[in-house]
N, C-alpha and C. Protein backbone atom coordinates (compact mmCIF):
# COMPACT_ATOMS: atom_id res chain seq x y z
N MET A 1 4.84 9.95 -18.73
CA MET A 1 4.24 10.29 -17.71
C MET A 1 3.73 9.53 -17.28
N GLY A 2 3.03 8.04 -17.73
CA GLY A 2 2.28 6.96 -17.11
C GLY A 2 3.06 6.10 -15.90
N LYS A 3 4.90 6.33 -16.10
CA LYS A 3 5.26 5.68 -15.15
C LYS A 3 5.47 6.44 -13.75
N PHE A 4 5.57 7.86 -13.58
CA PHE A 4 5.00 8.91 -12.29
C PHE A 4 4.05 8.66 -12.11
N VAL A 5 2.81 8.84 -13.07
CA VAL A 5 1.33 8.03 -12.03
C VAL A 5 1.53 7.15 -11.39
N ALA A 6 1.49 6.29 -12.28
CA ALA A 6 2.02 4.53 -11.59
C ALA A 6 2.94 4.60 -9.99
N VAL A 7 3.97 5.12 -9.82
CA VAL A 7 4.62 5.26 -9.01
C VAL A 7 4.06 6.12 -7.84
N ALA A 8 3.30 7.32 -8.22
CA ALA A 8 2.14 8.00 -7.07
C ALA A 8 1.67 7.01 -6.77
N PHE A 9 0.90 6.43 -7.40
CA PHE A 9 -0.14 5.94 -6.92
C PHE A 9 -0.03 4.64 -5.74
N ALA A 10 1.35 4.22 -6.34
CA ALA A 10 1.84 3.31 -5.85
C ALA A 10 2.33 3.44 -4.41
N ALA A 11 2.86 4.65 -4.35
CA ALA A 11 3.51 5.52 -3.10
C ALA A 11 1.98 5.79 -1.99
N LEU A 12 1.48 6.04 -2.63
CA LEU A 12 0.01 6.64 -1.91
C LEU A 12 -0.89 5.19 -1.40
N LEU A 13 -0.54 3.65 -1.96
CA LEU A 13 -1.27 3.07 -1.55
C LEU A 13 -0.29 2.03 -0.24
N ILE A 14 1.36 2.51 -0.58
CA ILE A 14 1.65 1.79 0.54
C ILE A 14 1.77 2.60 1.70
N ALA A 15 1.46 4.31 1.82
CA ALA A 15 1.35 4.73 2.87
C ALA A 15 -0.25 4.38 3.63
N ILE A 16 -1.45 4.21 2.60
CA ILE A 16 -2.31 3.63 3.43
C ILE A 16 -2.21 2.69 3.91
N GLY A 17 -1.87 1.67 3.37
CA GLY A 17 -1.88 0.22 3.78
C GLY A 17 -0.59 0.28 5.09
N GLY A 18 0.20 1.27 4.89
CA GLY A 18 0.97 1.15 6.43
C GLY A 18 0.45 1.98 7.69
N VAL A 19 -0.39 2.68 7.35
CA VAL A 19 -2.11 3.44 8.28
C VAL A 19 -2.44 2.26 8.85
N TRP A 20 -2.92 1.83 7.57
CA TRP A 20 -4.14 0.86 8.21
C TRP A 20 -3.47 -0.05 9.04
N THR A 21 -2.45 -0.82 8.59
CA THR A 21 -1.63 -2.09 9.58
C THR A 21 -1.53 -1.21 11.04
N PHE A 22 -1.11 -0.32 11.46
CA PHE A 22 -0.28 0.51 12.06
C PHE A 22 -1.70 0.71 12.82
N GLN A 23 -2.37 0.99 12.54
CA GLN A 23 -4.07 1.44 13.22
C GLN A 23 -4.72 -0.07 13.79
N GLY A 24 -4.70 -1.22 12.79
CA GLY A 24 -5.08 -2.05 12.97
C GLY A 24 -4.38 -2.91 14.24
N LEU A 25 -2.71 -2.78 14.36
CA LEU A 25 -2.18 -3.37 15.32
C LEU A 25 -2.48 -2.50 17.00
N GLY A 26 -2.66 -1.57 16.64
CA GLY A 26 -2.94 -0.95 17.96
C GLY A 26 -2.01 0.51 18.14
N TYR A 27 -1.16 0.79 17.39
CA TYR A 27 -0.21 1.70 17.26
C TYR A 27 -0.34 3.11 17.02
N LEU A 28 -1.58 3.04 16.35
CA LEU A 28 -2.11 4.56 15.73
C LEU A 28 -3.60 4.56 16.56
N LYS A 29 -3.78 5.70 17.20
CA LYS A 29 -4.89 5.71 18.25
C LYS A 29 -6.05 6.31 17.39
N GLY A 30 -7.25 6.61 18.06
CA GLY A 30 -8.22 7.76 17.85
C GLY A 30 -9.08 7.06 16.74
N SER A 31 -9.51 5.59 16.55
CA SER A 31 -10.18 5.50 14.91
C SER A 31 -11.12 4.22 15.22
N SER A 32 -12.05 3.86 14.74
CA SER A 32 -13.00 2.79 14.93
C SER A 32 -12.03 1.34 14.45
N MET A 33 -11.24 1.79 13.96
CA MET A 33 -10.12 0.54 13.09
C MET A 33 -9.17 0.15 13.93
N THR A 34 -8.89 1.11 15.62
CA THR A 34 -7.62 0.54 16.19
C THR A 34 -8.10 -0.58 16.71
N GLY A 35 -7.03 -1.21 16.81
CA GLY A 35 -7.14 -2.65 17.35
C GLY A 35 -7.95 -3.51 16.80
N SER A 36 -8.29 -3.50 15.25
CA SER A 36 -8.74 -4.41 14.79
C SER A 36 -8.26 -5.27 13.82
N THR A 37 -8.38 -6.70 13.57
CA THR A 37 -7.31 -7.31 12.98
C THR A 37 -7.96 -7.27 11.49
N MET A 38 -8.73 -6.82 11.51
CA MET A 38 -9.31 -7.02 9.99
C MET A 38 -8.37 -6.02 9.26
N TRP A 39 -7.97 -4.89 9.84
CA TRP A 39 -7.36 -3.58 9.18
C TRP A 39 -5.98 -4.17 9.30
N ALA A 40 -5.48 -4.71 10.38
CA ALA A 40 -4.19 -4.95 10.32
C ALA A 40 -3.82 -6.53 9.43
N THR A 41 -4.51 -6.93 8.86
CA THR A 41 -4.36 -8.03 7.59
C THR A 41 -4.59 -7.20 6.18
N ILE A 42 -5.50 -6.40 6.02
CA ILE A 42 -5.89 -5.51 4.82
C ILE A 42 -4.66 -4.71 4.25
N GLY A 43 -3.97 -3.78 5.66
CA GLY A 43 -3.31 -3.51 5.14
C GLY A 43 -1.71 -3.60 4.63
N PRO A 44 -1.57 -4.64 5.07
CA PRO A 44 -0.31 -5.49 4.29
C PRO A 44 -0.35 -5.49 3.17
N ILE A 45 -1.41 -6.68 2.88
CA ILE A 45 -2.23 -6.52 1.30
C ILE A 45 -2.46 -5.32 0.48
N VAL A 46 -2.66 -4.61 0.64
CA VAL A 46 -2.73 -3.40 -0.12
C VAL A 46 -1.39 -2.12 -0.10
N MET A 47 -0.35 -2.91 0.94
CA MET A 47 1.06 -2.32 0.65
C MET A 47 1.67 -3.17 -0.50
N ALA A 48 1.55 -4.52 -0.51
CA ALA A 48 2.00 -5.55 -1.21
C ALA A 48 1.30 -5.20 -2.94
N PHE A 49 0.27 -4.68 -3.02
CA PHE A 49 -0.20 -4.47 -4.42
C PHE A 49 0.73 -2.71 -4.62
N GLY A 50 0.64 -2.15 -3.89
CA GLY A 50 1.47 -0.51 -3.97
C GLY A 50 2.91 -1.18 -4.37
N VAL A 51 4.10 -2.11 -3.97
CA VAL A 51 5.03 -2.64 -4.44
C VAL A 51 4.94 -3.39 -5.74
N ALA A 52 4.25 -4.19 -5.59
CA ALA A 52 3.96 -5.01 -7.05
C ALA A 52 3.88 -3.80 -8.12
N LEU A 53 2.74 -2.89 -7.84
CA LEU A 53 2.73 -1.59 -8.91
C LEU A 53 4.04 -1.28 -9.45
N ILE A 54 5.03 -0.52 -8.44
CA ILE A 54 6.51 -0.03 -8.57
C ILE A 54 7.37 -1.21 -9.31
N TYR A 55 6.87 -2.63 -8.99
CA TYR A 55 7.83 -3.29 -9.97
C TYR A 55 7.39 -3.48 -11.13
N VAL A 56 5.97 -3.37 -11.26
CA VAL A 56 5.25 -3.67 -13.07
C VAL A 56 5.88 -2.22 -13.39
N ALA A 57 5.67 -1.11 -13.00
CA ALA A 57 6.13 -0.09 -13.34
C ALA A 57 7.43 0.49 -13.54
N TYR A 58 8.32 0.40 -13.20
CA TYR A 58 9.89 -0.07 -13.69
C TYR A 58 10.59 -0.98 -14.46
N ARG A 59 9.68 -2.10 -14.57
CA ARG A 59 9.88 -3.08 -15.24
C ARG A 59 9.73 -3.14 -16.65
N GLY A 60 8.74 -2.22 -17.18
CA GLY A 60 8.81 -1.33 -18.15
C GLY A 60 8.64 -2.69 -19.09
N PRO A 61 8.18 -2.56 -20.77
CA PRO A 61 7.84 -2.98 -21.46
C PRO A 61 8.75 -4.24 -22.07
N LYS A 62 8.66 -5.60 -22.23
CA LYS A 62 9.34 -6.29 -22.45
C LYS A 62 9.90 -6.09 -24.26
N LYS A 63 11.12 -6.03 -24.43
CA LYS A 63 11.51 -6.43 -25.72
C LYS A 63 11.76 -7.32 -26.23
N ARG A 64 11.78 -7.18 -27.77
CA ARG A 64 12.00 -8.82 -28.16
C ARG A 64 13.03 -8.75 -28.83
């Protein structure tokens, strides 16, 4: 169950990071975040955390 929750949260991070990136770059209109370079920078960082979480979730515990 823990792996499922981690992957679901990671997918949410990736989706939110993608929205923030596209809003920061000006592709998604209608927000105060549109055209802001701060969100164009924060978005990919959040997406990277999501990808890293998926990697850690699927790697699993190390066996000795």
